[in-house]
Amino acid sequence: MIPSIPQPVFTRFCYRVYVAVFFIYLALPLAVVCVFAFNDSVFPSLPWEGFTLAWFFGTDAPFIGVFNERSIMRSIGTSAFVAIWVSGLSVAVGTSNAFLFARHEFRGKALLYMLMLLPLIIPGVILGISILVFSSSVANTLEDATGLWFDGLRPGLMLVILGQFSFITTFATLVISARLQKFDPSLEEAALNLGASKWGAIRQITIPFLLPAILASAVVAMLMSFENFNTTLMLVGSESPLTITMFDKLKQGSTPVLNAVSLLLMAASAILGLLSLLFQNKKS
């Protein structure tokens, strides 16, 4: 609906109802998950048995809370470890890619740009299987040639990091490139005329300008790493990130402790997103 064009009252009413129903449809499942995280029952379903915080802080079975569930806490630490590495690598490579595509013209640039976007349209399962098959083939070849064991090319955290990095870098590149295209190159030229080196101009002028996008892409990369399941499932080893641990526990039977974990993840995601938006608004 275009606000500048007059619309009949009934049309405006239907549009508002549609918007309200749409957001209710998005928010209702999340609200239900949050509510049953506080249900004093071993099953995350009706009837409502009363309010409790046992699924967060409980120590006695069957009401063992998130913060006392060792497997979940260990998987949260694993996910944080993976997310930090993926975020750092994605931002570093994404920043380099942004300068490459925004500042330079070379033969094959369009093809290289399409290859960078390719992971966005490949299903996560296919991407994970492809990485697993490729890394296993390389590991087998190297082991046959050298007699050494290459753990980093076998299912495990290193392969999970590389698998997530392979497609999350694309998002970081797009976010940082969009910011870099708004930059006025004459600012760098002025710094060069005043005696600054090329790297000094970039470090003192361009990078601070890109900082909001860099931080935003780092937040997005961490959130995407935490919630990734399809690619991680194909590459995980003995140390399971949070999504895989929750999936394993769900196969054993759903309990409100999974609702509590989901609530904590939603809260953390919302806080990180708000901090990112506030920082961007402050710097823009």
Protein backbone atom coordinates (compact mmCIF):
# COMPACT_ATOMS: atom_id res chain seq x y z
CA MET A 1 0.00 0.00 0.00
CA ILE A 2 1.34 3.41 -1.03
CA PRO A 3 0.54 6.00 1.69
CA SER A 4 0.44 8.93 -0.78
CA ILE A 5 -2.42 7.35 -2.76
CA PRO A 6 -5.88 7.70 -1.13
CA GLN A 7 -7.40 4.32 -0.27
CA PRO A 8 -10.93 3.33 0.73
CA VAL A 9 -11.54 2.82 4.43
CA PHE A 10 -12.25 -0.90 3.93
CA THR A 11 -8.98 -1.37 2.02
CA ARG A 12 -6.97 0.31 4.78
CA PHE A 13 -8.74 -1.84 7.37
CA CYS A 14 -7.96 -5.05 5.48
CA TYR A 15 -4.34 -4.01 5.08
CA ARG A 16 -3.98 -3.37 8.83
CA VAL A 17 -5.61 -6.71 9.62
CA TYR A 18 -3.22 -8.45 7.22
CA VAL A 19 -0.18 -6.83 8.84
CA ALA A 20 -1.43 -7.74 12.32
CA VAL A 21 -2.12 -11.36 11.35
CA PHE A 22 1.26 -11.63 9.66
CA PHE A 23 3.18 -10.51 12.75
CA ILE A 24 1.03 -12.65 15.05
CA TYR A 25 1.82 -15.64 12.81
CA LEU A 26 5.53 -14.91 13.19
CA ALA A 27 5.50 -14.17 16.92
CA LEU A 28 2.99 -16.71 18.24
CA PRO A 29 5.21 -19.83 18.00
CA LEU A 30 8.06 -17.95 19.70
CA ALA A 31 5.71 -16.74 22.43
CA VAL A 32 4.46 -20.27 23.05
CA VAL A 33 8.05 -21.54 23.35
CA CYS A 34 8.82 -18.80 25.88
CA VAL A 35 5.70 -19.42 27.96
CA PHE A 36 6.27 -23.16 28.35
CA ALA A 37 9.83 -22.54 29.51
CA PHE A 38 8.19 -21.54 32.82
CA ASN A 39 5.62 -24.36 33.02
CA ASP A 40 5.89 -26.51 36.16
CA SER A 41 5.54 -29.71 34.16
CA VAL A 42 7.89 -32.23 32.58
CA PHE A 43 6.07 -31.80 29.27
CA PRO A 44 6.08 -28.52 27.28
CA SER A 45 2.33 -28.59 26.67
CA LEU A 46 -1.02 -27.86 28.24
CA PRO A 47 -2.42 -27.97 30.84
CA TRP A 48 -0.57 -25.18 32.66
CA GLU A 49 0.75 -26.59 35.96
CA GLY A 50 2.09 -23.36 37.44
CA PHE A 51 5.03 -20.98 37.20
CA THR A 52 8.56 -22.20 37.86
CA LEU A 53 12.18 -21.29 37.20
CA ALA A 54 13.30 -24.89 37.62
CA TRP A 55 13.98 -25.29 33.90
CA PHE A 56 16.64 -22.61 34.26
CA PHE A 57 18.12 -23.22 37.73
CA GLY A 58 16.74 -26.59 38.88
CA THR A 59 19.12 -29.19 40.30
CA ASP A 60 16.86 -32.14 41.13
CA ALA A 61 15.66 -34.62 38.49
CA PRO A 62 13.55 -34.38 36.44
CA PHE A 63 13.66 -30.58 36.88
CA ILE A 64 17.29 -30.08 35.90
CA GLY A 65 17.71 -26.55 34.57
CA VAL A 66 19.75 -25.26 31.68
CA PHE A 67 22.52 -23.91 33.89
CA ASN A 68 22.94 -27.31 35.57
CA GLU A 69 22.70 -29.44 32.42
CA ARG A 70 26.33 -30.23 31.64
CA SER A 71 25.79 -31.37 28.06
CA ILE A 72 23.93 -28.19 27.17
CA MET A 73 26.39 -25.87 28.88
CA ARG A 74 29.28 -27.67 27.19
CA SER A 75 27.56 -27.37 23.81
CA ILE A 76 26.95 -23.64 24.40
CA GLY A 77 30.68 -23.22 25.00
CA THR A 78 31.41 -25.19 21.83
CA SER A 79 29.00 -23.06 19.82
CA ALA A 80 30.56 -19.88 21.22
CA PHE A 81 34.03 -21.11 20.29
CA VAL A 82 32.91 -21.91 16.74
CA ALA A 83 30.97 -18.65 16.41
CA ILE A 84 33.93 -16.49 17.48
CA TRP A 85 36.24 -18.14 14.97
CA VAL A 86 33.66 -18.04 12.17
CA SER A 87 32.87 -14.39 12.91
CA GLY A 88 36.51 -13.34 12.97
CA LEU A 89 37.39 -15.18 9.75
CA SER A 90 34.24 -14.02 7.97
CA VAL A 91 34.80 -10.36 8.86
CA ALA A 92 38.47 -10.46 7.87
CA VAL A 93 37.86 -12.14 4.53
CA GLY A 94 34.62 -10.21 3.95
CA THR A 95 36.42 -6.89 4.41
CA SER A 96 39.11 -7.95 1.94
CA ASN A 97 36.45 -9.09 -0.52
CA ALA A 98 34.64 -5.78 -0.17
CA PHE A 99 37.76 -3.83 -1.14
CA LEU A 100 38.42 -6.26 -4.00
CA PHE A 101 34.97 -5.96 -5.58
CA ALA A 102 34.34 -2.28 -4.80
CA ARG A 103 37.76 -0.83 -5.63
CA HIS A 104 39.26 -2.96 -8.40
CA GLU A 105 38.41 -3.91 -11.96
CA PHE A 106 39.94 -7.10 -13.38
CA ARG A 107 39.21 -9.85 -15.84
CA GLY A 108 36.80 -12.42 -14.47
CA LYS A 109 35.43 -10.14 -11.75
CA ALA A 110 31.79 -10.93 -12.60
CA LEU A 111 32.47 -14.67 -12.55
CA LEU A 112 34.32 -14.42 -9.23
CA TYR A 113 31.44 -12.40 -7.76
CA MET A 114 28.95 -15.06 -8.87
CA LEU A 115 31.10 -17.77 -7.30
CA MET A 116 31.12 -15.81 -4.05
CA LEU A 117 27.29 -15.69 -4.09
CA LEU A 118 26.95 -19.37 -4.95
CA PRO A 119 26.86 -20.64 -1.33
CA LEU A 120 23.68 -18.59 -0.78
CA ILE A 121 21.67 -20.77 -3.17
CA ILE A 122 23.21 -24.14 -2.29
CA PRO A 123 21.24 -26.04 0.40
CA GLY A 124 23.16 -26.33 3.66
CA VAL A 125 23.01 -30.13 3.62
CA ILE A 126 24.50 -30.28 0.12
CA LEU A 127 27.20 -27.80 1.11
CA GLY A 128 28.06 -29.83 4.20
CA ILE A 129 28.19 -33.11 2.30
CA SER A 130 30.37 -31.55 -0.42
CA ILE A 131 32.85 -30.19 2.12
CA LEU A 132 32.91 -33.51 3.98
CA VAL A 133 33.54 -35.56 0.82
CA PHE A 134 36.22 -33.15 -0.41
CA SER A 135 38.07 -32.92 2.91
CA SER A 136 37.91 -36.68 3.44
CA SER A 137 39.34 -37.27 -0.05
CA VAL A 138 42.18 -34.84 0.61
CA ALA A 139 42.84 -36.39 4.03
CA ASN A 140 42.94 -39.91 2.58
CA THR A 141 45.34 -38.83 -0.17
CA LEU A 142 47.67 -37.06 2.26
CA GLU A 143 47.60 -39.91 4.75
CA ASP A 144 48.44 -42.47 2.03
CA ALA A 145 51.31 -40.29 0.84
CA THR A 146 52.79 -39.31 4.21
CA GLY A 147 51.53 -41.88 6.70
CA LEU A 148 50.37 -39.05 8.99
CA TRP A 149 46.90 -38.50 10.42
CA PHE A 150 45.20 -35.22 9.47
CA ASP A 151 42.58 -34.62 12.18
CA GLY A 152 41.70 -31.17 10.87
CA LEU A 153 40.30 -32.67 7.66
CA ARG A 154 38.10 -35.15 9.51
CA PRO A 155 34.68 -34.38 11.05
CA GLY A 156 35.22 -32.09 14.00
CA LEU A 157 35.26 -28.48 15.11
CA MET A 158 37.82 -27.35 12.55
CA LEU A 159 35.70 -28.70 9.71
CA VAL A 160 32.56 -27.14 11.26
CA ILE A 161 34.33 -23.76 11.38
CA LEU A 162 35.47 -24.06 7.76
CA GLY A 163 32.03 -25.23 6.65
CA GLN A 164 30.18 -22.34 8.28
CA PHE A 165 32.87 -19.88 7.18
CA SER A 166 32.39 -20.95 3.55
CA PHE A 167 28.91 -19.38 3.31
CA ILE A 168 28.76 -16.86 6.17
CA THR A 169 31.65 -14.97 4.56
CA THR A 170 29.31 -14.14 1.69
CA PHE A 171 26.92 -12.32 4.03
CA ALA A 172 29.79 -10.39 5.64
CA THR A 173 31.07 -9.40 2.20
CA LEU A 174 27.67 -8.07 1.11
CA VAL A 175 27.15 -6.06 4.31
CA ILE A 176 30.60 -4.47 4.26
CA SER A 177 30.52 -3.87 0.47
CA ALA A 178 27.23 -1.97 0.79
CA ARG A 179 28.85 0.36 3.32
CA LEU A 180 32.07 0.76 1.34
CA GLN A 181 30.18 1.82 -1.79
CA LYS A 182 28.88 4.85 0.14
CA PHE A 183 32.41 5.98 1.02
CA ASP A 184 33.79 9.11 -0.65
CA PRO A 185 37.25 8.24 -2.10
CA SER A 186 38.19 11.92 -2.04
CA LEU A 187 38.66 11.60 1.74
CA GLU A 188 41.45 9.11 1.20
CA GLU A 189 42.94 11.32 -1.51
CA ALA A 190 42.97 14.27 0.87
CA ALA A 191 44.78 12.18 3.48
CA LEU A 192 47.35 11.10 0.89
CA ASN A 193 47.90 14.72 -0.13
CA LEU A 194 48.55 15.56 3.52
CA GLY A 195 51.32 12.97 3.70
CA ALA A 196 49.55 9.88 4.93
CA SER A 197 50.54 6.49 3.52
CA LYS A 198 48.02 4.38 1.64
CA TRP A 199 47.61 2.00 4.55
CA GLY A 200 47.51 4.91 7.02
CA ALA A 201 44.66 6.54 5.10
CA ILE A 202 42.72 3.29 5.04
CA ARG A 203 43.39 2.58 8.72
CA GLN A 204 42.50 6.06 9.98
CA ILE A 205 39.69 7.03 7.60
CA THR A 206 38.20 4.11 5.68
CA ILE A 207 38.18 1.47 8.41
CA PRO A 208 36.47 3.77 10.98
CA PHE A 209 33.85 4.53 8.32
CA LEU A 210 33.33 0.78 7.77
CA LEU A 211 33.31 -0.03 11.49
CA PRO A 212 29.50 -0.08 11.89
CA ALA A 213 29.18 -2.51 8.98
CA ILE A 214 32.08 -4.60 10.27
CA LEU A 215 30.49 -4.89 13.71
CA ALA A 216 27.08 -5.60 12.18
CA SER A 217 28.52 -8.34 9.99
CA ALA A 218 30.34 -9.81 13.01
CA VAL A 219 27.06 -9.96 14.95
CA VAL A 220 25.24 -11.51 11.99
CA ALA A 221 28.03 -14.05 11.53
CA MET A 222 27.88 -15.08 15.20
CA LEU A 223 24.11 -15.43 15.14
CA MET A 224 24.17 -17.43 11.91
CA SER A 225 26.88 -19.68 13.30
CA PHE A 226 24.94 -20.32 16.51
CA GLU A 227 21.73 -21.26 14.70
CA ASN A 228 23.24 -23.23 11.83
CA PHE A 229 22.14 -26.84 11.77
CA ASN A 230 22.17 -28.37 8.29
CA THR A 231 25.81 -27.77 7.41
CA THR A 232 27.00 -28.40 10.97
CA LEU A 233 25.20 -31.75 11.14
CA MET A 234 27.24 -33.07 8.21
CA LEU A 235 30.59 -31.94 9.63
CA VAL A 236 30.28 -32.38 13.39
CA GLY A 237 32.52 -34.74 15.33
CA SER A 238 32.50 -35.78 18.98
CA GLU A 239 32.11 -32.19 20.25
CA SER A 240 28.60 -31.07 19.38
CA PRO A 241 27.50 -27.43 19.09
CA LEU A 242 24.23 -26.37 20.68
CA THR A 243 21.93 -27.01 17.71
CA ILE A 244 23.14 -30.61 17.38
CA THR A 245 22.82 -31.22 21.12
CA MET A 246 19.27 -29.87 21.12
CA PHE A 247 18.42 -32.07 18.15
CA ASP A 248 19.79 -35.15 19.94
CA LYS A 249 17.80 -34.33 23.08
CA LEU A 250 14.66 -33.70 21.03
CA LYS A 251 14.93 -37.23 19.59
CA GLN A 252 14.85 -38.54 23.17
CA GLY A 253 11.71 -36.53 23.96
CA SER A 254 10.89 -32.86 24.23
CA THR A 255 11.19 -31.22 27.66
CA PRO A 256 10.77 -27.59 28.80
CA VAL A 257 14.55 -27.34 29.20
CA LEU A 258 14.72 -27.01 25.41
CA ASN A 259 12.18 -24.19 25.64
CA ALA A 260 14.40 -22.53 28.24
CA VAL A 261 17.44 -22.81 25.95
CA SER A 262 15.41 -21.35 23.08
CA LEU A 263 14.29 -18.44 25.26
CA LEU A 264 17.88 -17.66 26.25
CA LEU A 265 18.97 -17.78 22.61
CA MET A 266 16.17 -15.45 21.55
CA ALA A 267 17.07 -13.01 24.33
CA ALA A 268 20.77 -13.08 23.44
CA SER A 269 20.00 -12.64 19.74
CA ALA A 270 17.70 -9.70 20.44
CA ILE A 271 20.28 -7.99 22.66
CA LEU A 272 23.06 -8.43 20.09
CA GLY A 273 20.81 -7.17 17.31
CA LEU A 274 19.75 -4.10 19.28
CA LEU A 275 23.35 -3.29 20.22
CA SER A 276 24.33 -3.56 16.57
CA LEU A 277 21.50 -1.23 15.49
CA LEU A 278 22.27 1.28 18.23
CA PHE A 279 25.94 1.35 17.28
CA GLN A 280 25.13 1.81 13.58
CA ASN A 281 22.75 4.68 14.35
CA LYS A 282 25.35 6.31 16.58
CA LYS A 283 28.08 6.11 13.96
CA SER A 284 26.04 6.85 10.82
